[in-house]
């Protein structure tokens, strides 16, 4: 199974606006390219905060006759509102991976909206997540999580590819996250490099494709 991260960032390396959300900063070209990446995937992996803050629509619109990937949502604490787009407009019933701690809460609110799988732990282990997805037969998984979720999968050495869009804005505010964010560095960050496999421009945006090694 191959796991790819898809993120957009500003010229000064920020992936969120000053209010902590991402909206209105990408163009129609980036949204089209995102659909291309999704069309090459059979599952899209997102976190709870992305669903709550951005309420993404996971249907592919820009690639004719493409099969829509299945939404896989990681929920470490609490649950999700059942009226989000991912439950109302997906072609596939979403898969929720949660912990033993919040299983009962999620079942109460979402049992008729999703397939629910609880890990035997109080946290979301990225290696266990990828193990579940492999057993379900997924070959290409696209991670559209936030910076902390990206960090956890990068730290576990599970990411094979990074799709990165550079958008033409400079925010300037300190303390805003990059594509991976935690208060520690990734082990061996300066030894485990990434190889640029592709780059192209559309409008004012640059699209980069990096692969591990």
N, C-alpha and C. Protein backbone atom coordinates (compact mmCIF):
# COMPACT_ATOMS: atom_id res chain seq x y z
N UNK A 1 0.83 -1.20 0.00
CA UNK A 1 0.00 0.00 0.00
C UNK A 1 0.86 1.25 0.00
N UNK A 2 0.49 2.21 -0.83
CA UNK A 2 1.21 3.49 -0.86
C UNK A 2 0.36 4.57 -0.21
N UNK A 3 1.00 5.37 0.64
CA UNK A 3 0.33 6.47 1.34
C UNK A 3 0.91 7.79 0.87
N UNK A 4 0.06 8.69 0.41
CA UNK A 4 0.49 10.00 -0.09
C UNK A 4 -0.16 11.11 0.71
N UNK A 5 0.61 12.15 1.00
CA UNK A 5 0.08 13.36 1.62
C UNK A 5 -0.24 14.37 0.53
N UNK A 6 -1.36 15.05 0.64
CA UNK A 6 -1.68 16.15 -0.26
C UNK A 6 -1.94 17.40 0.57
N UNK A 7 -1.11 18.44 0.34
CA UNK A 7 -1.25 19.68 1.10
C UNK A 7 -0.96 20.87 0.19
N UNK A 8 -1.51 22.01 0.57
CA UNK A 8 -1.17 23.28 -0.08
C UNK A 8 -0.59 24.20 0.98
N UNK A 9 0.42 24.99 0.59
CA UNK A 9 0.99 25.93 1.55
C UNK A 9 1.33 27.24 0.86
N UNK A 10 1.40 28.29 1.66
CA UNK A 10 1.69 29.63 1.14
C UNK A 10 3.18 29.76 0.83
N UNK A 11 3.55 30.87 0.23
CA UNK A 11 4.95 31.11 -0.09
C UNK A 11 5.83 31.14 1.15
N UNK A 12 5.25 31.49 2.31
CA UNK A 12 6.04 31.49 3.54
C UNK A 12 5.77 30.24 4.39
N UNK A 13 5.29 29.17 3.74
CA UNK A 13 5.25 27.86 4.39
C UNK A 13 4.11 27.60 5.34
N UNK A 14 3.04 28.40 5.29
CA UNK A 14 1.91 28.21 6.20
C UNK A 14 0.82 27.39 5.52
N UNK A 15 0.16 26.54 6.30
CA UNK A 15 -0.92 25.72 5.74
C UNK A 15 -2.27 26.07 6.36
N UNK A 16 -2.30 27.08 7.21
CA UNK A 16 -3.56 27.57 7.77
C UNK A 16 -3.56 29.10 7.75
N UNK A 17 -4.76 29.67 7.74
CA UNK A 17 -4.92 31.11 7.86
C UNK A 17 -4.68 31.51 9.31
N UNK A 18 -4.62 32.82 9.59
CA UNK A 18 -4.41 33.25 10.98
C UNK A 18 -5.46 32.74 11.96
N UNK A 19 -6.66 32.41 11.46
CA UNK A 19 -7.70 31.87 12.36
C UNK A 19 -7.60 30.36 12.53
N UNK A 20 -6.56 29.75 11.93
CA UNK A 20 -6.35 28.32 12.10
C UNK A 20 -7.07 27.46 11.09
N UNK A 21 -7.78 28.05 10.14
CA UNK A 21 -8.52 27.27 9.14
C UNK A 21 -7.92 27.53 7.76
N UNK A 22 -8.32 26.66 6.82
CA UNK A 22 -7.83 26.79 5.44
C UNK A 22 -9.05 26.94 4.52
N UNK A 23 -9.23 28.11 3.98
CA UNK A 23 -10.35 28.32 3.05
C UNK A 23 -10.01 29.54 2.19
N UNK A 24 -10.44 29.49 0.95
CA UNK A 24 -10.30 30.65 0.08
C UNK A 24 -8.90 30.96 -0.41
N UNK A 25 -7.92 30.10 -0.16
CA UNK A 25 -6.55 30.39 -0.56
C UNK A 25 -6.10 29.61 -1.79
N UNK A 26 -6.88 28.61 -2.20
CA UNK A 26 -6.51 27.86 -3.39
C UNK A 26 -7.45 28.20 -4.54
N UNK A 27 -6.98 27.93 -5.74
CA UNK A 27 -7.72 28.29 -6.95
C UNK A 27 -8.47 27.09 -7.49
N UNK A 28 -9.20 27.31 -8.56
CA UNK A 28 -9.89 26.21 -9.24
C UNK A 28 -8.88 25.20 -9.79
N UNK A 29 -7.68 25.68 -10.18
CA UNK A 29 -6.65 24.77 -10.69
C UNK A 29 -6.22 23.77 -9.61
N UNK A 30 -6.04 24.26 -8.38
CA UNK A 30 -5.65 23.37 -7.30
C UNK A 30 -6.76 22.38 -6.98
N UNK A 31 -8.00 22.84 -6.98
CA UNK A 31 -9.12 21.93 -6.71
C UNK A 31 -9.22 20.85 -7.79
N UNK A 32 -8.95 21.23 -9.04
CA UNK A 32 -8.96 20.24 -10.11
C UNK A 32 -7.84 19.22 -9.92
N UNK A 33 -6.65 19.71 -9.56
CA UNK A 33 -5.53 18.79 -9.36
C UNK A 33 -5.78 17.87 -8.16
N UNK A 34 -6.43 18.39 -7.13
CA UNK A 34 -6.79 17.55 -5.98
C UNK A 34 -7.69 16.41 -6.43
N UNK A 35 -8.62 16.69 -7.33
CA UNK A 35 -9.48 15.62 -7.86
C UNK A 35 -8.68 14.59 -8.65
N UNK A 36 -7.64 15.04 -9.35
CA UNK A 36 -6.78 14.10 -10.06
C UNK A 36 -6.10 13.14 -9.07
N UNK A 37 -5.56 13.70 -7.97
CA UNK A 37 -4.92 12.86 -6.97
C UNK A 37 -5.93 11.91 -6.33
N UNK A 38 -7.12 12.41 -6.06
CA UNK A 38 -8.16 11.56 -5.47
C UNK A 38 -8.57 10.44 -6.42
N UNK A 39 -8.61 10.74 -7.72
CA UNK A 39 -9.02 9.73 -8.70
C UNK A 39 -8.02 8.59 -8.79
N UNK A 40 -6.79 8.82 -8.33
CA UNK A 40 -5.75 7.79 -8.33
C UNK A 40 -5.69 7.04 -7.00
N UNK A 41 -6.64 7.32 -6.11
CA UNK A 41 -6.65 6.73 -4.77
C UNK A 41 -7.94 5.96 -4.55
N UNK A 42 -7.88 4.95 -3.70
CA UNK A 42 -9.10 4.23 -3.37
C UNK A 42 -9.62 4.55 -1.97
N UNK A 43 -8.86 5.34 -1.20
CA UNK A 43 -9.32 5.81 0.10
C UNK A 43 -8.70 7.17 0.39
N UNK A 44 -9.46 8.03 1.05
CA UNK A 44 -8.98 9.34 1.49
C UNK A 44 -9.03 9.37 3.00
N UNK A 45 -7.88 9.63 3.62
CA UNK A 45 -7.73 9.59 5.07
C UNK A 45 -7.75 11.01 5.61
N UNK A 46 -8.68 11.28 6.54
CA UNK A 46 -8.81 12.62 7.12
C UNK A 46 -8.96 12.50 8.63
N UNK A 47 -8.70 13.60 9.32
CA UNK A 47 -8.86 13.65 10.76
C UNK A 47 -10.15 14.34 11.16
N UNK A 48 -10.48 14.20 12.41
CA UNK A 48 -11.71 14.79 12.95
C UNK A 48 -11.74 16.31 12.75
N UNK A 49 -10.61 16.98 13.02
CA UNK A 49 -10.60 18.45 12.93
C UNK A 49 -10.85 18.93 11.51
N UNK A 50 -10.33 18.18 10.51
CA UNK A 50 -10.57 18.58 9.12
C UNK A 50 -12.05 18.50 8.79
N UNK A 51 -12.74 17.48 9.28
CA UNK A 51 -14.17 17.35 9.02
C UNK A 51 -14.94 18.49 9.69
N UNK A 52 -14.58 18.79 10.94
CA UNK A 52 -15.31 19.83 11.69
C UNK A 52 -15.01 21.22 11.13
N UNK A 53 -13.73 21.51 10.87
CA UNK A 53 -13.35 22.87 10.48
C UNK A 53 -13.60 23.17 9.01
N UNK A 54 -13.31 22.19 8.13
CA UNK A 54 -13.38 22.44 6.69
C UNK A 54 -14.57 21.79 6.01
N UNK A 55 -15.18 20.79 6.66
CA UNK A 55 -16.36 20.11 6.11
C UNK A 55 -16.16 19.76 4.63
N UNK A 56 -15.13 18.99 4.30
CA UNK A 56 -14.79 18.74 2.89
C UNK A 56 -15.82 17.87 2.17
N UNK A 57 -15.92 18.08 0.87
CA UNK A 57 -16.71 17.21 -0.01
C UNK A 57 -15.72 16.28 -0.70
N UNK A 58 -15.92 14.99 -0.58
CA UNK A 58 -14.93 14.05 -1.10
C UNK A 58 -15.29 13.51 -2.48
N UNK A 59 -16.38 13.95 -3.05
CA UNK A 59 -16.73 13.51 -4.40
C UNK A 59 -15.81 14.15 -5.43
N UNK A 60 -15.41 13.36 -6.42
CA UNK A 60 -14.58 13.86 -7.52
C UNK A 60 -15.49 14.51 -8.56
N UNK A 61 -15.15 15.74 -8.94
CA UNK A 61 -15.97 16.47 -9.89
C UNK A 61 -15.24 16.76 -11.20
N UNK A 62 -13.92 16.89 -11.13
CA UNK A 62 -13.17 17.37 -12.30
C UNK A 62 -12.63 16.26 -13.19
N UNK A 63 -12.75 15.01 -12.76
CA UNK A 63 -12.23 13.89 -13.56
C UNK A 63 -13.42 13.03 -13.98
N UNK A 64 -13.79 13.05 -15.25
CA UNK A 64 -14.97 12.29 -15.70
C UNK A 64 -14.83 10.79 -15.45
N UNK A 65 -15.91 10.20 -14.98
CA UNK A 65 -16.02 8.75 -14.79
C UNK A 65 -15.05 8.19 -13.75
N UNK A 66 -14.47 9.05 -12.93
CA UNK A 66 -13.55 8.58 -11.90
C UNK A 66 -14.33 7.92 -10.76
N UNK A 67 -13.74 6.91 -10.16
CA UNK A 67 -14.33 6.28 -8.99
C UNK A 67 -13.96 7.09 -7.75
N UNK A 68 -14.94 7.42 -6.94
CA UNK A 68 -14.67 8.20 -5.74
C UNK A 68 -14.01 7.35 -4.67
N UNK A 69 -12.97 7.87 -4.01
CA UNK A 69 -12.33 7.11 -2.94
C UNK A 69 -13.22 7.06 -1.70
N UNK A 70 -12.97 6.05 -0.88
CA UNK A 70 -13.75 5.93 0.36
C UNK A 70 -13.18 6.84 1.44
N UNK A 71 -14.02 7.62 2.12
CA UNK A 71 -13.53 8.43 3.23
C UNK A 71 -13.22 7.56 4.45
N UNK A 72 -12.03 7.76 5.02
CA UNK A 72 -11.63 7.10 6.25
C UNK A 72 -11.31 8.21 7.26
N UNK A 73 -12.03 8.22 8.37
CA UNK A 73 -11.93 9.33 9.33
C UNK A 73 -11.33 8.82 10.63
N UNK A 74 -10.29 9.49 11.11
CA UNK A 74 -9.65 9.13 12.37
C UNK A 74 -10.20 10.04 13.47
N UNK A 75 -10.76 9.43 14.51
CA UNK A 75 -11.37 10.20 15.60
C UNK A 75 -10.80 9.68 16.92
N UNK A 76 -9.90 10.46 17.51
CA UNK A 76 -9.25 10.03 18.76
C UNK A 76 -10.11 10.30 19.98
N UNK A 77 -10.81 11.42 19.98
CA UNK A 77 -11.66 11.79 21.12
C UNK A 77 -13.01 12.30 20.60
N UNK A 78 -14.05 12.07 21.40
CA UNK A 78 -15.36 12.60 21.05
C UNK A 78 -15.94 11.93 19.81
N UNK A 79 -16.81 12.67 19.13
CA UNK A 79 -17.46 12.15 17.94
C UNK A 79 -17.60 13.26 16.92
N UNK A 80 -18.40 13.05 15.89
CA UNK A 80 -18.60 14.01 14.82
C UNK A 80 -20.08 14.32 14.64
N UNK A 81 -20.42 15.53 14.21
CA UNK A 81 -21.82 15.82 13.88
C UNK A 81 -22.24 15.00 12.67
N UNK A 82 -23.44 14.41 12.70
CA UNK A 82 -23.87 13.55 11.58
C UNK A 82 -24.28 14.29 10.33
N UNK A 83 -24.31 15.64 10.37
CA UNK A 83 -24.77 16.41 9.21
C UNK A 83 -23.62 16.90 8.32
N UNK A 84 -22.41 16.41 8.53
CA UNK A 84 -21.28 16.85 7.71
C UNK A 84 -21.37 16.23 6.31
N UNK A 85 -20.73 16.93 5.33
CA UNK A 85 -20.80 16.47 3.93
C UNK A 85 -20.36 15.03 3.76
N UNK A 86 -19.35 14.62 4.52
CA UNK A 86 -18.77 13.30 4.34
C UNK A 86 -19.81 12.20 4.58
N UNK A 87 -20.82 12.48 5.41
CA UNK A 87 -21.87 11.49 5.68
C UNK A 87 -23.06 11.63 4.73
N UNK A 88 -23.21 12.80 4.15
CA UNK A 88 -24.39 13.06 3.34
C UNK A 88 -24.14 12.91 1.84
N UNK A 89 -22.90 13.12 1.38
CA UNK A 89 -22.66 13.23 -0.05
C UNK A 89 -21.61 12.27 -0.59
N UNK A 90 -21.15 11.31 0.21
CA UNK A 90 -20.15 10.36 -0.26
C UNK A 90 -20.81 9.20 -1.00
N UNK A 91 -20.10 8.64 -1.97
CA UNK A 91 -20.58 7.45 -2.67
C UNK A 91 -20.43 6.20 -1.80
N UNK A 92 -19.49 6.24 -0.86
CA UNK A 92 -19.23 5.09 0.01
C UNK A 92 -19.59 5.46 1.44
N UNK A 93 -20.03 4.49 2.19
CA UNK A 93 -20.22 4.73 3.62
C UNK A 93 -18.84 4.94 4.24
N UNK A 94 -18.64 6.04 4.97
CA UNK A 94 -17.32 6.30 5.54
C UNK A 94 -16.90 5.24 6.56
N UNK A 95 -15.60 5.04 6.67
CA UNK A 95 -15.02 4.19 7.70
C UNK A 95 -14.46 5.10 8.79
N UNK A 96 -14.94 4.92 10.02
CA UNK A 96 -14.40 5.68 11.15
C UNK A 96 -13.52 4.75 11.97
N UNK A 97 -12.28 5.19 12.20
CA UNK A 97 -11.38 4.46 13.09
C UNK A 97 -11.23 5.29 14.36
N UNK A 98 -11.62 4.71 15.49
CA UNK A 98 -11.62 5.44 16.75
C UNK A 98 -10.84 4.65 17.80
N UNK A 99 -10.96 5.02 19.05
CA UNK A 99 -10.30 4.31 20.15
C UNK A 99 -11.35 3.60 20.99
N UNK A 100 -10.90 2.76 21.90
CA UNK A 100 -11.85 2.08 22.79
C UNK A 100 -12.54 3.08 23.72
N UNK A 101 -11.91 4.25 23.90
CA UNK A 101 -12.46 5.25 24.81
C UNK A 101 -13.70 5.92 24.27
N UNK A 102 -13.72 6.23 22.97
CA UNK A 102 -14.86 6.97 22.42
C UNK A 102 -15.76 6.12 21.52
N UNK A 103 -15.57 4.80 21.54
CA UNK A 103 -16.37 3.93 20.69
C UNK A 103 -17.87 4.07 20.99
N UNK A 104 -18.24 4.04 22.25
CA UNK A 104 -19.65 4.11 22.62
C UNK A 104 -20.27 5.42 22.14
N UNK A 105 -19.55 6.53 22.31
CA UNK A 105 -20.05 7.85 21.90
C UNK A 105 -20.26 7.91 20.39
N UNK A 106 -19.32 7.36 19.63
CA UNK A 106 -19.44 7.37 18.17
C UNK A 106 -20.59 6.47 17.72
N UNK A 107 -20.72 5.31 18.34
CA UNK A 107 -21.82 4.42 17.98
C UNK A 107 -23.17 5.09 18.22
N UNK A 108 -23.27 5.84 19.29
CA UNK A 108 -24.54 6.49 19.63
C UNK A 108 -24.94 7.50 18.57
N UNK A 109 -23.99 8.24 18.04
CA UNK A 109 -24.32 9.32 17.11
C UNK A 109 -24.18 8.96 15.64
N UNK A 110 -23.37 7.92 15.33
CA UNK A 110 -23.03 7.69 13.92
C UNK A 110 -23.19 6.24 13.46
N UNK A 111 -23.81 5.39 14.27
CA UNK A 111 -23.87 3.97 13.92
C UNK A 111 -24.55 3.72 12.58
N UNK A 112 -25.51 4.55 12.21
CA UNK A 112 -26.21 4.38 10.93
C UNK A 112 -25.58 5.19 9.80
N UNK A 113 -24.49 5.88 10.11
CA UNK A 113 -23.85 6.76 9.13
C UNK A 113 -22.50 6.25 8.65
N UNK A 114 -21.91 5.28 9.36
CA UNK A 114 -20.53 4.89 9.05
C UNK A 114 -20.27 3.47 9.52
N UNK A 115 -19.22 2.86 8.93
CA UNK A 115 -18.65 1.64 9.50
C UNK A 115 -17.66 2.08 10.56
N UNK A 116 -17.74 1.47 11.73
CA UNK A 116 -16.93 1.92 12.87
C UNK A 116 -15.98 0.81 13.29
N UNK A 117 -14.70 1.17 13.42
CA UNK A 117 -13.67 0.23 13.85
C UNK A 117 -12.91 0.86 15.02
N UNK A 118 -12.91 0.19 16.15
CA UNK A 118 -12.23 0.73 17.34
C UNK A 118 -10.90 0.02 17.56
N UNK A 119 -9.86 0.80 17.75
CA UNK A 119 -8.56 0.25 18.12
C UNK A 119 -8.57 -0.11 19.60
N UNK A 120 -7.79 -1.09 19.97
CA UNK A 120 -7.72 -1.51 21.37
C UNK A 120 -6.70 -0.66 22.11
N UNK A 121 -6.94 0.64 22.12
CA UNK A 121 -6.02 1.58 22.76
C UNK A 121 -6.74 2.90 23.00
N UNK A 122 -6.06 3.82 23.67
CA UNK A 122 -6.64 5.14 23.93
C UNK A 122 -6.15 6.18 22.94
N UNK A 123 -5.37 5.78 21.95
CA UNK A 123 -4.83 6.71 20.97
C UNK A 123 -4.90 6.07 19.59
N UNK A 124 -4.69 6.90 18.56
CA UNK A 124 -4.69 6.43 17.18
C UNK A 124 -3.24 6.14 16.78
N UNK A 125 -2.94 4.89 16.55
CA UNK A 125 -1.61 4.46 16.13
C UNK A 125 -1.58 4.40 14.61
N UNK A 126 -0.77 5.25 13.95
CA UNK A 126 -0.73 5.25 12.48
C UNK A 126 -0.42 3.88 11.88
N UNK A 127 0.45 3.09 12.53
CA UNK A 127 0.79 1.78 11.98
C UNK A 127 -0.41 0.84 12.03
N UNK A 128 -1.21 0.94 13.08
CA UNK A 128 -2.42 0.12 13.16
C UNK A 128 -3.43 0.56 12.11
N UNK A 129 -3.50 1.86 11.87
CA UNK A 129 -4.41 2.38 10.85
C UNK A 129 -4.05 1.84 9.47
N UNK A 130 -2.77 1.92 9.12
CA UNK A 130 -2.36 1.42 7.80
C UNK A 130 -2.54 -0.10 7.72
N UNK A 131 -2.37 -0.79 8.85
CA UNK A 131 -2.62 -2.23 8.86
C UNK A 131 -4.07 -2.56 8.53
N UNK A 132 -4.99 -1.80 9.10
CA UNK A 132 -6.41 -1.99 8.82
C UNK A 132 -6.70 -1.74 7.34
N UNK A 133 -6.15 -0.66 6.80
CA UNK A 133 -6.41 -0.32 5.41
C UNK A 133 -5.82 -1.36 4.46
N UNK A 134 -4.66 -1.90 4.79
CA UNK A 134 -4.06 -2.96 3.97
C UNK A 134 -4.95 -4.20 3.97
N UNK A 135 -5.45 -4.56 5.16
CA UNK A 135 -6.30 -5.76 5.25
C UNK A 135 -7.61 -5.59 4.48
N UNK A 136 -8.05 -4.36 4.35
CA UNK A 136 -9.27 -4.09 3.59
C UNK A 136 -8.98 -4.00 2.09
N UNK A 137 -7.73 -4.12 1.71
CA UNK A 137 -7.38 -4.20 0.31
C UNK A 137 -7.11 -2.88 -0.39
N UNK A 138 -6.94 -1.80 0.35
CA UNK A 138 -6.67 -0.51 -0.28
C UNK A 138 -5.21 -0.45 -0.74
N UNK A 139 -5.00 0.04 -1.95
CA UNK A 139 -3.66 0.07 -2.54
C UNK A 139 -3.04 1.46 -2.51
N UNK A 140 -3.86 2.48 -2.71
CA UNK A 140 -3.38 3.87 -2.74
C UNK A 140 -4.25 4.72 -1.84
N UNK A 141 -3.66 5.24 -0.78
CA UNK A 141 -4.40 6.03 0.21
C UNK A 141 -3.86 7.45 0.20
N UNK A 142 -4.78 8.42 0.14
CA UNK A 142 -4.42 9.83 0.12
C UNK A 142 -4.72 10.43 1.48
N UNK A 143 -3.69 10.95 2.15
CA UNK A 143 -3.85 11.57 3.46
C UNK A 143 -4.10 13.06 3.28
N UNK A 144 -5.28 13.50 3.66
CA UNK A 144 -5.65 14.91 3.60
C UNK A 144 -5.89 15.44 5.00
N UNK A 145 -4.99 15.08 5.89
CA UNK A 145 -5.15 15.48 7.27
C UNK A 145 -4.53 16.84 7.55
N UNK A 146 -4.55 17.21 8.80
CA UNK A 146 -3.90 18.43 9.23
C UNK A 146 -2.44 18.19 9.56
N UNK A 147 -1.72 19.24 9.95
CA UNK A 147 -0.28 19.14 10.20
C UNK A 147 0.09 18.11 11.28
N UNK A 148 -0.70 18.01 12.35
CA UNK A 148 -0.37 17.06 13.41
C UNK A 148 -0.58 15.62 12.94
N UNK A 149 -1.63 15.39 12.17
CA UNK A 149 -1.86 14.05 11.63
C UNK A 149 -0.76 13.68 10.64
N UNK A 150 -0.37 14.63 9.79
CA UNK A 150 0.74 14.39 8.86
C UNK A 150 2.00 14.00 9.62
N UNK A 151 2.28 14.74 10.69
CA UNK A 151 3.49 14.47 11.47
C UNK A 151 3.49 13.03 11.99
N UNK A 152 2.34 12.58 12.51
CA UNK A 152 2.30 11.25 13.11
C UNK A 152 2.60 10.16 12.08
N UNK A 153 2.12 10.33 10.85
CA UNK A 153 2.40 9.33 9.82
C UNK A 153 3.82 9.45 9.29
N UNK A 154 4.34 10.67 9.22
CA UNK A 154 5.74 10.85 8.82
C UNK A 154 6.68 10.29 9.87
N UNK A 155 6.36 10.53 11.13
CA UNK A 155 7.20 10.03 12.22
C UNK A 155 7.26 8.51 12.22
N UNK A 156 6.15 7.87 11.84
CA UNK A 156 6.11 6.41 11.78
C UNK A 156 6.69 5.87 10.47
N UNK A 157 7.20 6.75 9.63
CA UNK A 157 7.83 6.36 8.35
C UNK A 157 6.85 5.61 7.45
N UNK A 158 5.63 6.13 7.35
CA UNK A 158 4.59 5.47 6.57
C UNK A 158 4.23 6.22 5.29
N UNK A 159 4.81 7.39 5.07
CA UNK A 159 4.46 8.21 3.91
C UNK A 159 5.41 7.93 2.76
N UNK A 160 4.85 7.63 1.60
CA UNK A 160 5.65 7.32 0.42
C UNK A 160 5.78 8.49 -0.54
N UNK A 161 4.80 9.41 -0.52
CA UNK A 161 4.76 10.48 -1.53
C UNK A 161 4.13 11.73 -0.90
N UNK A 162 4.58 12.89 -1.35
CA UNK A 162 4.00 14.15 -0.91
C UNK A 162 3.62 14.97 -2.14
N UNK A 163 2.36 15.31 -2.24
CA UNK A 163 1.88 16.26 -3.25
C UNK A 163 1.78 17.62 -2.56
N UNK A 164 2.51 18.59 -3.08
CA UNK A 164 2.57 19.90 -2.43
C UNK A 164 2.25 21.00 -3.43
N UNK A 165 1.25 21.81 -3.12
CA UNK A 165 0.89 22.95 -3.95
C UNK A 165 1.35 24.24 -3.27
N UNK A 166 2.08 25.07 -4.01
CA UNK A 166 2.51 26.37 -3.50
C UNK A 166 1.54 27.43 -3.99
N UNK A 167 0.87 28.09 -3.05
CA UNK A 167 -0.12 29.10 -3.42
C UNK A 167 0.47 30.50 -3.21
N UNK A 168 0.07 31.49 -4.03
CA UNK A 168 0.76 32.78 -4.07
C UNK A 168 0.31 33.78 -3.01
N UNK A 169 0.50 33.39 -1.74
CA UNK A 169 0.16 34.30 -0.64
C UNK A 169 1.27 34.26 0.39
N UNK A 170 1.43 35.36 1.11
CA UNK A 170 2.35 35.43 2.25
C UNK A 170 1.53 35.90 3.44
N UNK A 171 1.49 35.09 4.51
CA UNK A 171 0.71 35.46 5.69
C UNK A 171 1.57 36.21 6.70
N UNK A 172 2.74 35.64 7.01
CA UNK A 172 3.68 36.37 7.86
C UNK A 172 3.53 36.16 9.35
N UNK A 173 2.39 35.71 9.81
CA UNK A 173 2.18 35.56 11.26
C UNK A 173 2.99 34.38 11.79
N UNK A 174 3.65 34.57 12.91
CA UNK A 174 4.42 33.48 13.51
C UNK A 174 3.48 32.49 14.21
N UNK A 175 3.96 31.26 14.37
CA UNK A 175 3.20 30.28 15.12
C UNK A 175 2.20 29.48 14.30
N UNK A 176 2.07 29.77 13.02
CA UNK A 176 1.15 29.00 12.18
C UNK A 176 1.86 27.76 11.64
N UNK A 177 1.10 26.68 11.52
CA UNK A 177 1.69 25.38 11.19
C UNK A 177 2.15 25.29 9.74
N UNK A 178 3.16 24.43 9.51
CA UNK A 178 3.55 24.00 8.17
C UNK A 178 2.87 22.67 7.87
N UNK A 179 3.36 21.94 6.87
CA UNK A 179 2.66 20.71 6.47
C UNK A 179 2.76 19.62 7.53
N UNK A 180 3.76 19.69 8.41
CA UNK A 180 3.85 18.77 9.54
C UNK A 180 4.20 19.59 10.77
N UNK A 181 3.49 19.34 11.86
CA UNK A 181 3.65 20.24 13.00
C UNK A 181 3.54 19.49 14.33
N UNK A 182 4.59 19.65 15.14
CA UNK A 182 4.58 19.20 16.53
C UNK A 182 5.73 19.92 17.22
N UNK A 183 5.81 19.81 18.52
CA UNK A 183 6.86 20.57 19.22
C UNK A 183 8.20 19.84 19.25
N UNK A 184 8.33 18.76 18.45
CA UNK A 184 9.62 18.08 18.30
C UNK A 184 9.90 17.91 16.81
N UNK A 185 11.17 17.68 16.49
CA UNK A 185 11.53 17.49 15.09
C UNK A 185 11.35 16.02 14.70
N UNK A 186 11.25 15.77 13.40
CA UNK A 186 11.20 14.40 12.91
C UNK A 186 12.59 13.77 13.04
N UNK A 187 12.67 12.55 13.56
CA UNK A 187 13.98 11.89 13.68
C UNK A 187 14.66 11.76 12.31
N UNK A 188 15.93 12.12 12.27
CA UNK A 188 16.70 11.98 11.04
C UNK A 188 16.19 12.81 9.88
N UNK A 189 15.60 13.96 10.18
CA UNK A 189 14.99 14.77 9.12
C UNK A 189 16.01 15.20 8.06
N UNK A 190 17.27 15.36 8.44
CA UNK A 190 18.29 15.81 7.49
C UNK A 190 19.05 14.65 6.86
N UNK A 191 18.66 13.42 7.18
CA UNK A 191 19.29 12.25 6.58
C UNK A 191 18.33 11.51 5.66
N UNK A 192 17.05 11.60 5.96
CA UNK A 192 16.04 10.91 5.16
C UNK A 192 15.40 11.90 4.19
N UNK A 193 16.04 12.10 3.05
CA UNK A 193 15.59 13.11 2.11
C UNK A 193 14.44 12.64 1.23
N UNK A 194 13.90 13.58 0.48
CA UNK A 194 12.82 13.33 -0.46
C UNK A 194 13.29 13.70 -1.85
N UNK A 195 12.86 12.92 -2.85
CA UNK A 195 13.30 13.13 -4.23
C UNK A 195 12.17 13.78 -5.03
N UNK A 196 12.50 14.87 -5.71
CA UNK A 196 11.53 15.55 -6.55
C UNK A 196 11.27 14.72 -7.80
N UNK A 197 10.04 14.24 -7.97
CA UNK A 197 9.68 13.39 -9.09
C UNK A 197 8.95 14.14 -10.20
N UNK A 198 8.29 15.24 -9.85
CA UNK A 198 7.55 15.98 -10.87
C UNK A 198 7.30 17.39 -10.36
N UNK A 199 7.19 18.32 -11.29
CA UNK A 199 6.81 19.69 -10.95
C UNK A 199 6.20 20.35 -12.17
N UNK A 200 5.16 21.14 -11.94
CA UNK A 200 4.49 21.83 -13.03
C UNK A 200 3.72 23.00 -12.47
N UNK A 201 3.35 23.91 -13.35
CA UNK A 201 2.60 25.09 -12.92
C UNK A 201 1.25 25.13 -13.60
N UNK A 202 0.30 25.70 -12.89
CA UNK A 202 -1.03 26.01 -13.44
C UNK A 202 -1.42 27.35 -12.86
N UNK A 203 -1.62 28.32 -13.74
CA UNK A 203 -1.93 29.67 -13.25
C UNK A 203 -0.79 30.20 -12.41
N UNK A 204 -1.09 30.64 -11.18
CA UNK A 204 -0.08 31.19 -10.28
C UNK A 204 0.42 30.18 -9.26
N UNK A 205 0.09 28.92 -9.43
CA UNK A 205 0.46 27.92 -8.44
C UNK A 205 1.47 26.93 -9.00
N UNK A 206 2.33 26.44 -8.12
CA UNK A 206 3.33 25.44 -8.46
C UNK A 206 2.92 24.12 -7.79
N UNK A 207 2.99 23.04 -8.55
CA UNK A 207 2.65 21.71 -8.03
C UNK A 207 3.91 20.86 -8.00
N UNK A 208 4.22 20.33 -6.82
CA UNK A 208 5.42 19.53 -6.62
C UNK A 208 5.03 18.12 -6.18
N UNK A 209 5.78 17.15 -6.68
CA UNK A 209 5.56 15.76 -6.27
C UNK A 209 6.90 15.21 -5.78
N UNK A 210 6.95 14.87 -4.49
CA UNK A 210 8.15 14.29 -3.90
C UNK A 210 7.88 12.85 -3.47
N UNK A 211 8.90 11.99 -3.62
CA UNK A 211 8.79 10.62 -3.15
C UNK A 211 9.92 10.33 -2.18
N UNK A 212 9.68 9.40 -1.30
CA UNK A 212 10.64 9.05 -0.27
C UNK A 212 11.94 8.50 -0.88
N UNK A 213 13.08 8.95 -0.34
CA UNK A 213 14.36 8.41 -0.77
C UNK A 213 15.02 9.17 -1.89
